[in-house]
């Protein structure tokens, strides 16, 4: 399975322990293949992904996959423009 593009995304977990707020940030990779997009725990078939958009909020970006089952959001630190462009190039060919 060849990779067309990748995008690093983060998942942030906040919890309170012993009266202190703890923040845990894990990094994962979103991978674009010819037939699907894979995240750490989900797989989206290309035919079921209608569009990908993103929005910058302060210093982070939110990447949105618009699918047949709704919208799935991923928080990224890096600009996802090249990932989005690779997806749109794949969909239009």
N, C-alpha and C. Protein backbone atom coordinates (compact mmCIF):
# COMPACT_ATOMS: atom_id res chain seq x y z
N UNK A 1 0.86 -1.18 0.00
CA UNK A 1 0.00 0.00 0.00
C UNK A 1 0.91 1.24 0.00
N UNK A 2 0.87 1.98 -1.08
CA UNK A 2 1.76 3.15 -1.19
C UNK A 2 1.11 4.40 -0.58
N UNK A 3 1.96 5.20 0.04
CA UNK A 3 1.50 6.45 0.67
C UNK A 3 1.59 7.57 -0.35
N UNK A 4 0.50 8.33 -0.48
CA UNK A 4 0.51 9.51 -1.34
C UNK A 4 0.87 10.76 -0.55
N UNK A 5 0.44 10.80 0.71
CA UNK A 5 0.71 11.95 1.58
C UNK A 5 0.48 11.54 3.03
N UNK A 6 1.13 12.26 3.93
CA UNK A 6 0.91 12.04 5.36
C UNK A 6 0.71 13.38 6.05
N UNK A 7 0.02 13.34 7.17
CA UNK A 7 -0.21 14.54 7.98
C UNK A 7 -0.18 14.13 9.44
N UNK A 8 0.67 14.76 10.21
CA UNK A 8 0.73 14.49 11.64
C UNK A 8 -0.42 15.22 12.33
N UNK A 9 -1.09 14.52 13.24
CA UNK A 9 -2.13 15.16 14.04
C UNK A 9 -1.92 14.81 15.49
N UNK A 10 -2.53 15.58 16.37
CA UNK A 10 -2.34 15.38 17.80
C UNK A 10 -3.68 15.13 18.48
N UNK A 11 -3.61 14.37 19.56
CA UNK A 11 -4.76 14.18 20.44
C UNK A 11 -4.32 14.63 21.82
N UNK A 12 -5.08 15.54 22.40
CA UNK A 12 -4.73 16.11 23.69
C UNK A 12 -5.71 15.61 24.74
N UNK A 13 -5.16 15.09 25.82
CA UNK A 13 -5.97 14.61 26.94
C UNK A 13 -5.65 15.46 28.16
N UNK A 14 -6.68 16.01 28.75
CA UNK A 14 -6.51 16.80 29.97
C UNK A 14 -7.22 16.08 31.11
N UNK A 15 -6.53 15.99 32.24
CA UNK A 15 -7.17 15.39 33.41
C UNK A 15 -6.62 16.03 34.68
N UNK A 16 -7.38 15.90 35.75
CA UNK A 16 -7.01 16.45 37.05
C UNK A 16 -6.59 15.28 37.95
N UNK A 17 -5.40 15.39 38.50
CA UNK A 17 -4.92 14.42 39.48
C UNK A 17 -4.27 15.17 40.63
N UNK A 18 -4.69 14.84 41.83
CA UNK A 18 -4.14 15.46 43.04
C UNK A 18 -4.16 16.99 42.96
N UNK A 19 -5.28 17.51 42.48
CA UNK A 19 -5.49 18.95 42.37
C UNK A 19 -4.60 19.64 41.34
N UNK A 20 -4.04 18.90 40.40
CA UNK A 20 -3.23 19.49 39.34
C UNK A 20 -3.77 19.05 37.99
N UNK A 21 -3.75 19.98 37.06
CA UNK A 21 -4.17 19.65 35.71
C UNK A 21 -2.99 19.05 34.95
N UNK A 22 -3.19 17.87 34.39
CA UNK A 22 -2.17 17.21 33.59
C UNK A 22 -2.61 17.21 32.14
N UNK A 23 -1.68 17.53 31.26
CA UNK A 23 -1.98 17.56 29.83
C UNK A 23 -1.06 16.57 29.14
N UNK A 24 -1.66 15.65 28.42
CA UNK A 24 -0.92 14.65 27.67
C UNK A 24 -1.22 14.85 26.19
N UNK A 25 -0.17 14.98 25.38
CA UNK A 25 -0.35 15.19 23.94
C UNK A 25 0.34 14.05 23.20
N UNK A 26 -0.44 13.32 22.42
CA UNK A 26 0.09 12.22 21.61
C UNK A 26 0.02 12.58 20.14
N UNK A 27 1.03 12.19 19.39
CA UNK A 27 1.07 12.44 17.95
C UNK A 27 0.77 11.17 17.19
N UNK A 28 -0.01 11.33 16.12
CA UNK A 28 -0.37 10.22 15.23
C UNK A 28 -0.22 10.70 13.80
N UNK A 29 -0.35 9.76 12.87
CA UNK A 29 -0.21 10.12 11.46
C UNK A 29 -1.47 9.76 10.69
N UNK A 30 -1.94 10.70 9.90
CA UNK A 30 -3.03 10.50 8.96
C UNK A 30 -2.36 10.21 7.62
N UNK A 31 -2.70 9.09 6.99
CA UNK A 31 -2.03 8.66 5.77
C UNK A 31 -3.02 8.55 4.62
N UNK A 32 -2.69 9.19 3.51
CA UNK A 32 -3.51 9.14 2.30
C UNK A 32 -2.94 8.06 1.38
N UNK A 33 -3.78 7.08 1.05
CA UNK A 33 -3.44 6.03 0.09
C UNK A 33 -4.35 6.20 -1.12
N UNK A 34 -4.13 5.42 -2.17
CA UNK A 34 -4.97 5.51 -3.37
C UNK A 34 -6.43 5.16 -3.09
N UNK A 35 -6.66 4.25 -2.15
CA UNK A 35 -8.03 3.78 -1.91
C UNK A 35 -8.62 4.20 -0.55
N UNK A 36 -7.79 4.76 0.34
CA UNK A 36 -8.32 5.11 1.67
C UNK A 36 -7.44 6.15 2.36
N UNK A 37 -7.99 6.68 3.45
CA UNK A 37 -7.25 7.54 4.38
C UNK A 37 -7.28 6.81 5.72
N UNK A 38 -6.09 6.61 6.30
CA UNK A 38 -5.99 5.90 7.57
C UNK A 38 -5.53 6.83 8.69
N UNK A 39 -6.21 6.72 9.83
CA UNK A 39 -5.76 7.39 11.05
C UNK A 39 -5.33 6.30 12.02
N UNK A 40 -5.02 6.67 13.23
CA UNK A 40 -4.57 5.69 14.23
C UNK A 40 -5.65 4.65 14.53
N UNK A 41 -6.92 5.04 14.44
CA UNK A 41 -7.98 4.10 14.81
C UNK A 41 -9.15 4.04 13.84
N UNK A 42 -9.00 4.66 12.66
CA UNK A 42 -10.09 4.64 11.68
C UNK A 42 -9.53 4.52 10.28
N UNK A 43 -10.36 3.99 9.39
CA UNK A 43 -10.02 3.92 7.97
C UNK A 43 -11.21 4.47 7.19
N UNK A 44 -10.95 5.42 6.28
CA UNK A 44 -11.99 6.04 5.48
C UNK A 44 -11.73 5.69 4.01
N UNK A 45 -12.65 5.01 3.37
CA UNK A 45 -12.49 4.72 1.95
C UNK A 45 -12.60 6.02 1.16
N UNK A 46 -11.77 6.16 0.14
CA UNK A 46 -11.74 7.40 -0.65
C UNK A 46 -13.11 7.72 -1.23
N UNK A 47 -13.84 6.70 -1.67
CA UNK A 47 -15.18 6.93 -2.24
C UNK A 47 -16.15 7.50 -1.22
N UNK A 48 -15.87 7.29 0.07
CA UNK A 48 -16.75 7.80 1.13
C UNK A 48 -16.32 9.14 1.68
N UNK A 49 -15.19 9.66 1.22
CA UNK A 49 -14.72 10.99 1.65
C UNK A 49 -15.08 11.98 0.54
N UNK A 50 -15.97 12.90 0.85
CA UNK A 50 -16.45 13.85 -0.14
C UNK A 50 -15.52 15.04 -0.30
N UNK A 51 -14.94 15.48 0.81
CA UNK A 51 -14.09 16.67 0.77
C UNK A 51 -13.22 16.69 2.03
N UNK A 52 -12.13 17.46 1.95
CA UNK A 52 -11.31 17.73 3.12
C UNK A 52 -11.11 19.24 3.18
N UNK A 53 -11.37 19.81 4.34
CA UNK A 53 -11.15 21.25 4.53
C UNK A 53 -10.34 21.43 5.81
N UNK A 54 -9.86 22.65 6.00
CA UNK A 54 -9.15 22.94 7.24
C UNK A 54 -9.31 24.41 7.60
N UNK A 55 -9.05 24.66 8.87
CA UNK A 55 -9.17 26.03 9.40
C UNK A 55 -8.06 26.24 10.42
N UNK A 56 -7.43 27.41 10.37
CA UNK A 56 -6.40 27.75 11.34
C UNK A 56 -7.05 28.45 12.53
N UNK A 57 -6.71 27.99 13.73
CA UNK A 57 -7.21 28.59 14.97
C UNK A 57 -5.98 28.83 15.85
N UNK A 58 -5.64 30.09 16.05
CA UNK A 58 -4.44 30.47 16.79
C UNK A 58 -3.22 29.84 16.15
N UNK A 59 -2.55 28.93 16.87
CA UNK A 59 -1.32 28.34 16.32
C UNK A 59 -1.53 26.91 15.80
N UNK A 60 -2.76 26.41 15.88
CA UNK A 60 -3.05 25.07 15.39
C UNK A 60 -4.04 25.11 14.24
N UNK A 61 -4.17 23.97 13.60
CA UNK A 61 -5.11 23.82 12.49
C UNK A 61 -6.08 22.70 12.85
N UNK A 62 -7.29 22.81 12.32
CA UNK A 62 -8.26 21.73 12.42
C UNK A 62 -8.54 21.24 11.00
N UNK A 63 -8.29 19.97 10.77
CA UNK A 63 -8.48 19.33 9.48
C UNK A 63 -9.79 18.54 9.56
N UNK A 64 -10.69 18.77 8.61
CA UNK A 64 -12.01 18.14 8.63
C UNK A 64 -12.17 17.21 7.44
N UNK A 65 -12.49 15.94 7.72
CA UNK A 65 -12.84 14.99 6.68
C UNK A 65 -14.35 14.93 6.60
N UNK A 66 -14.89 15.30 5.45
CA UNK A 66 -16.34 15.28 5.22
C UNK A 66 -16.65 13.94 4.55
N UNK A 67 -17.34 13.07 5.29
CA UNK A 67 -17.57 11.71 4.80
C UNK A 67 -19.06 11.38 4.74
N UNK A 68 -19.35 10.18 4.26
CA UNK A 68 -20.74 9.74 4.21
C UNK A 68 -21.32 9.48 5.60
N UNK A 69 -20.48 9.47 6.63
CA UNK A 69 -20.95 9.27 8.01
C UNK A 69 -20.82 10.53 8.86
N UNK A 70 -20.58 11.67 8.22
CA UNK A 70 -20.46 12.92 8.96
C UNK A 70 -19.06 13.50 8.83
N UNK A 71 -18.75 14.43 9.71
CA UNK A 71 -17.46 15.12 9.67
C UNK A 71 -16.59 14.63 10.82
N UNK A 72 -15.35 14.29 10.49
CA UNK A 72 -14.37 13.88 11.50
C UNK A 72 -13.27 14.93 11.53
N UNK A 73 -12.94 15.42 12.72
CA UNK A 73 -11.95 16.49 12.87
C UNK A 73 -10.65 15.94 13.44
N UNK A 74 -9.54 16.51 12.96
CA UNK A 74 -8.21 16.18 13.44
C UNK A 74 -7.49 17.49 13.74
N UNK A 75 -6.83 17.57 14.87
CA UNK A 75 -6.08 18.77 15.24
C UNK A 75 -4.62 18.58 14.82
N UNK A 76 -4.08 19.55 14.08
CA UNK A 76 -2.71 19.46 13.60
C UNK A 76 -1.93 20.70 14.01
N UNK A 77 -0.62 20.54 14.09
CA UNK A 77 0.26 21.67 14.39
C UNK A 77 0.80 22.24 13.07
N UNK A 78 1.01 21.36 12.10
CA UNK A 78 1.55 21.76 10.80
C UNK A 78 0.42 22.09 9.83
N UNK A 79 0.70 22.99 8.91
CA UNK A 79 -0.27 23.38 7.88
C UNK A 79 -0.62 22.16 7.02
N UNK A 80 -1.90 21.79 6.94
CA UNK A 80 -2.30 20.61 6.18
C UNK A 80 -2.58 20.88 4.70
N UNK A 81 -2.18 22.01 4.18
CA UNK A 81 -2.51 22.38 2.80
C UNK A 81 -2.02 21.35 1.78
N UNK A 82 -0.81 20.83 1.94
CA UNK A 82 -0.29 19.87 0.96
C UNK A 82 -1.05 18.54 1.03
N UNK A 83 -1.47 18.13 2.22
CA UNK A 83 -2.28 16.91 2.36
C UNK A 83 -3.62 17.09 1.66
N UNK A 84 -4.25 18.24 1.86
CA UNK A 84 -5.54 18.53 1.23
C UNK A 84 -5.39 18.57 -0.29
N UNK A 85 -4.32 19.20 -0.76
CA UNK A 85 -4.07 19.28 -2.19
C UNK A 85 -3.87 17.89 -2.80
N UNK A 86 -3.14 17.02 -2.12
CA UNK A 86 -2.93 15.66 -2.60
C UNK A 86 -4.26 14.89 -2.69
N UNK A 87 -5.12 15.07 -1.69
CA UNK A 87 -6.43 14.43 -1.72
C UNK A 87 -7.26 14.92 -2.90
N UNK A 88 -7.29 16.23 -3.10
CA UNK A 88 -8.12 16.79 -4.18
C UNK A 88 -7.59 16.37 -5.55
N UNK A 89 -6.30 16.26 -5.68
CA UNK A 89 -5.68 15.78 -6.93
C UNK A 89 -6.11 14.34 -7.19
N UNK A 90 -6.09 13.51 -6.14
CA UNK A 90 -6.51 12.11 -6.26
C UNK A 90 -7.98 12.00 -6.63
N UNK A 91 -8.84 12.79 -6.01
CA UNK A 91 -10.29 12.72 -6.27
C UNK A 91 -10.65 13.18 -7.68
N UNK A 92 -9.89 14.10 -8.24
CA UNK A 92 -10.23 14.65 -9.55
C UNK A 92 -9.60 13.86 -10.70
N UNK A 93 -8.81 12.84 -10.38
CA UNK A 93 -8.23 12.00 -11.45
C UNK A 93 -9.00 10.72 -11.62
